[in-house]
C-alpha atoms as a PDB file:
ATOM      1  CA  UNK A   1       4.280 -12.134  16.373  1.00  0.00           C
ATOM      2  CA  UNK A   2       6.932 -11.092  13.882  1.00  0.00           C
ATOM      3  CA  UNK A   3       4.235 -10.458  11.320  1.00  0.00           C
ATOM      4  CA  UNK A   4       2.594  -7.924  13.656  1.00  0.00           C
ATOM      5  CA  UNK A   5       5.855  -6.005  14.007  1.00  0.00           C
ATOM      6  CA  UNK A   6       6.422  -5.946  10.255  1.00  0.00           C
ATOM      7  CA  UNK A   7       2.820  -4.893   9.595  1.00  0.00           C
ATOM      8  CA  UNK A   8       3.197  -2.126  12.181  1.00  0.00           C
ATOM      9  CA  UNK A   9       6.428  -0.819  10.644  1.00  0.00           C
ATOM     10  CA  UNK A  10       4.988  -0.822   7.126  1.00  0.00           C
ATOM     11  CA  UNK A  11       1.785   0.885   8.249  1.00  0.00           C
ATOM     12  CA  UNK A  12       3.695   3.612  10.114  1.00  0.00           C
ATOM     13  CA  UNK A  13       5.984   4.142   7.131  1.00  0.00           C
ATOM     14  CA  UNK A  14       2.947   4.413   4.864  1.00  0.00           C
ATOM     15  CA  UNK A  15       1.464   6.992   7.240  1.00  0.00           C
ATOM     16  CA  UNK A  16       4.614   9.087   7.015  1.00  0.00           C
ATOM     17  CA  UNK A  17       4.608   8.803   3.223  1.00  0.00           C
ATOM     18  CA  UNK A  18       0.963   9.895   3.101  1.00  0.00           C
ATOM     19  CA  UNK A  19       1.804  12.912   5.278  1.00  0.00           C
ATOM     20  CA  UNK A  20       4.793  13.849   3.116  1.00  0.00           C
ATOM     21  CA  UNK A  21       2.772  13.680  -0.098  1.00  0.00           C
ATOM     22  CA  UNK A  22      -0.174  15.711   1.180  1.00  0.00           C
ATOM     23  CA  UNK A  23      -0.066  19.329   0.031  1.00  0.00           C
ATOM     24  CA  UNK A  24      -1.961  20.432   3.158  1.00  0.00           C
ATOM     25  CA  UNK A  25       0.267  18.613   5.640  1.00  0.00           C
ATOM     26  CA  UNK A  26       0.984  21.848   7.502  1.00  0.00           C
ATOM     27  CA  UNK A  27      -2.599  21.776   8.796  1.00  0.00           C
ATOM     28  CA  UNK A  28      -2.079  18.725  11.025  1.00  0.00           C
ATOM     29  CA  UNK A  29       0.795  16.972  12.752  1.00  0.00           C
ATOM     30  CA  UNK A  30       3.237  14.527  11.241  1.00  0.00           C
ATOM     31  CA  UNK A  31       2.297  11.744  13.644  1.00  0.00           C
ATOM     32  CA  UNK A  32      -1.444  11.793  12.961  1.00  0.00           C
ATOM     33  CA  UNK A  33      -1.517   9.769   9.710  1.00  0.00           C
ATOM     34  CA  UNK A  34       1.194   7.437  11.002  1.00  0.00           C
ATOM     35  CA  UNK A  35      -0.696   6.862  14.238  1.00  0.00           C
ATOM     36  CA  UNK A  36      -3.981   6.231  12.458  1.00  0.00           C
ATOM     37  CA  UNK A  37      -2.266   3.826  10.065  1.00  0.00           C
ATOM     38  CA  UNK A  38      -0.663   1.981  12.987  1.00  0.00           C
ATOM     39  CA  UNK A  39      -3.919   1.628  14.919  1.00  0.00           C
ATOM     40  CA  UNK A  40      -5.981   0.525  11.921  1.00  0.00           C
ATOM     41  CA  UNK A  41      -3.256  -1.841  10.717  1.00  0.00           C
ATOM     42  CA  UNK A  42      -2.887  -3.490  14.100  1.00  0.00           C
ATOM     43  CA  UNK A  43      -6.650  -3.846  14.542  1.00  0.00           C
ATOM     44  CA  UNK A  44      -6.954  -5.380  11.077  1.00  0.00           C
ATOM     45  CA  UNK A  45      -4.147  -7.811  11.931  1.00  0.00           C
ATOM     46  CA  UNK A  46      -5.884  -8.794  15.166  1.00  0.00           C
ATOM     47  CA  UNK A  47      -9.175  -9.329  13.330  1.00  0.00           C
ATOM     48  CA  UNK A  48      -7.471 -11.448  10.669  1.00  0.00           C
ATOM     49  CA  UNK A  49      -5.759 -13.573  13.309  1.00  0.00           C
ATOM     50  CA  UNK A  50      -8.956 -13.953  15.351  1.00  0.00           C
ATOM     51  CA  UNK A  51     -10.793 -15.034  12.204  1.00  0.00           C
ATOM     52  CA  UNK A  52      -8.283 -17.846  11.779  1.00  0.00           C
ATOM     53  CA  UNK A  53      -6.646 -16.560   8.626  1.00  0.00           C
ATOM     54  CA  UNK A  54      -3.155 -16.489  10.110  1.00  0.00           C
ATOM     55  CA  UNK A  55      -1.400 -19.725   9.408  1.00  0.00           C
ATOM     56  CA  UNK A  56      -3.697 -21.551   7.022  1.00  0.00           C
ATOM     57  CA  UNK A  57      -2.201 -22.859   3.788  1.00  0.00           C
ATOM     58  CA  UNK A  58      -3.129 -20.521   0.969  1.00  0.00           C
ATOM     59  CA  UNK A  59      -4.369 -17.789   3.312  1.00  0.00           C
ATOM     60  CA  UNK A  60      -1.085 -16.762   4.925  1.00  0.00           C
ATOM     61  CA  UNK A  61      -0.861 -13.595   2.836  1.00  0.00           C
ATOM     62  CA  UNK A  62      -4.137 -12.128   4.150  1.00  0.00           C
ATOM     63  CA  UNK A  63      -2.882 -11.027   7.614  1.00  0.00           C
ATOM     64  CA  UNK A  64       0.123  -9.453   5.916  1.00  0.00           C
ATOM     65  CA  UNK A  65      -1.493  -7.524   3.062  1.00  0.00           C
ATOM     66  CA  UNK A  66      -4.925  -6.544   4.417  1.00  0.00           C
ATOM     67  CA  UNK A  67      -3.615  -4.629   7.491  1.00  0.00           C
ATOM     68  CA  UNK A  68      -1.027  -2.789   5.413  1.00  0.00           C
ATOM     69  CA  UNK A  69      -3.601  -1.730   2.834  1.00  0.00           C
ATOM     70  CA  UNK A  70      -6.177  -0.832   5.499  1.00  0.00           C
ATOM     71  CA  UNK A  71      -3.653   1.258   7.428  1.00  0.00           C
ATOM     72  CA  UNK A  72      -2.538   3.104   4.317  1.00  0.00           C
ATOM     73  CA  UNK A  73      -6.128   3.769   3.267  1.00  0.00           C
ATOM     74  CA  UNK A  74      -7.034   5.045   6.737  1.00  0.00           C
ATOM     75  CA  UNK A  75      -4.007   7.356   6.799  1.00  0.00           C
ATOM     76  CA  UNK A  76      -4.918   8.744   3.381  1.00  0.00           C
ATOM     77  CA  UNK A  77      -8.549   9.228   4.399  1.00  0.00           C
ATOM     78  CA  UNK A  78      -7.687  11.091   7.591  1.00  0.00           C
ATOM     79  CA  UNK A  79      -5.156  13.254   5.741  1.00  0.00           C
ATOM     80  CA  UNK A  80      -7.657  14.216   3.050  1.00  0.00           C
ATOM     81  CA  UNK A  81     -10.471  14.848   5.522  1.00  0.00           C
ATOM     82  CA  UNK A  82      -8.465  16.854   8.047  1.00  0.00           C
ATOM     83  CA  UNK A  83      -6.630  18.778   5.351  1.00  0.00           C
ATOM     84  CA  UNK A  84      -9.881  19.969   3.814  1.00  0.00           C
ATOM     85  CA  UNK A  85     -11.706  20.640   7.075  1.00  0.00           C
ATOM     86  CA  UNK A  86      -8.859  22.519   8.707  1.00  0.00           C
ATOM     87  CA  UNK A  87      -8.094  24.542   5.586  1.00  0.00           C
ATOM     88  CA  UNK A  88     -11.752  25.572   5.344  1.00  0.00           C
ATOM     89  CA  UNK A  89     -11.862  26.396   9.048  1.00  0.00           C
ATOM     90  CA  UNK A  90      -8.663  28.456   8.847  1.00  0.00           C
ATOM     91  CA  UNK A  91     -10.035  30.361   5.855  1.00  0.00           C
ATOM     92  CA  UNK A  92     -13.257  31.142   7.727  1.00  0.00           C
ATOM     93  CA  UNK A  93     -11.351  32.361  10.780  1.00  0.00           C
ATOM     94  CA  UNK A  94      -9.042  34.504   8.655  1.00  0.00           C
ATOM     95  CA  UNK A  95     -12.013  36.007   6.812  1.00  0.00           C
ATOM     96  CA  UNK A  96     -13.734  36.768  10.104  1.00  0.00           C
ATOM     97  CA  UNK A  97     -10.566  38.379  11.460  1.00  0.00           C
ATOM     98  CA  UNK A  98     -10.105  40.527   8.346  1.00  0.00           C
ATOM     99  CA  UNK A  99     -13.707  41.802   8.506  1.00  0.00           C
ATOM    100  CA  UNK A 100     -13.112  43.368  11.904  1.00  0.00           C
END
């Protein structure tokens, strides 16, 4: 169970780092990448444990590394996607408002 807590803390920290490094982070909230990273990391940990990769000799690293990497990748993907979509949407709304 300790590994789940550590994976969760690392995934949330990675989500905050992704948010801080995104140049469009004003377009979405600070908790969004961290929350996505936490959810994906915990689900990946559960899948790894259910698959029996938890406490096998030689495979102990998989439930530690895979959820952290998956959570970080998911946080980066949501930050990139939402940053682009919301910036484009804001530009369209501003253009429409300026035409009036």
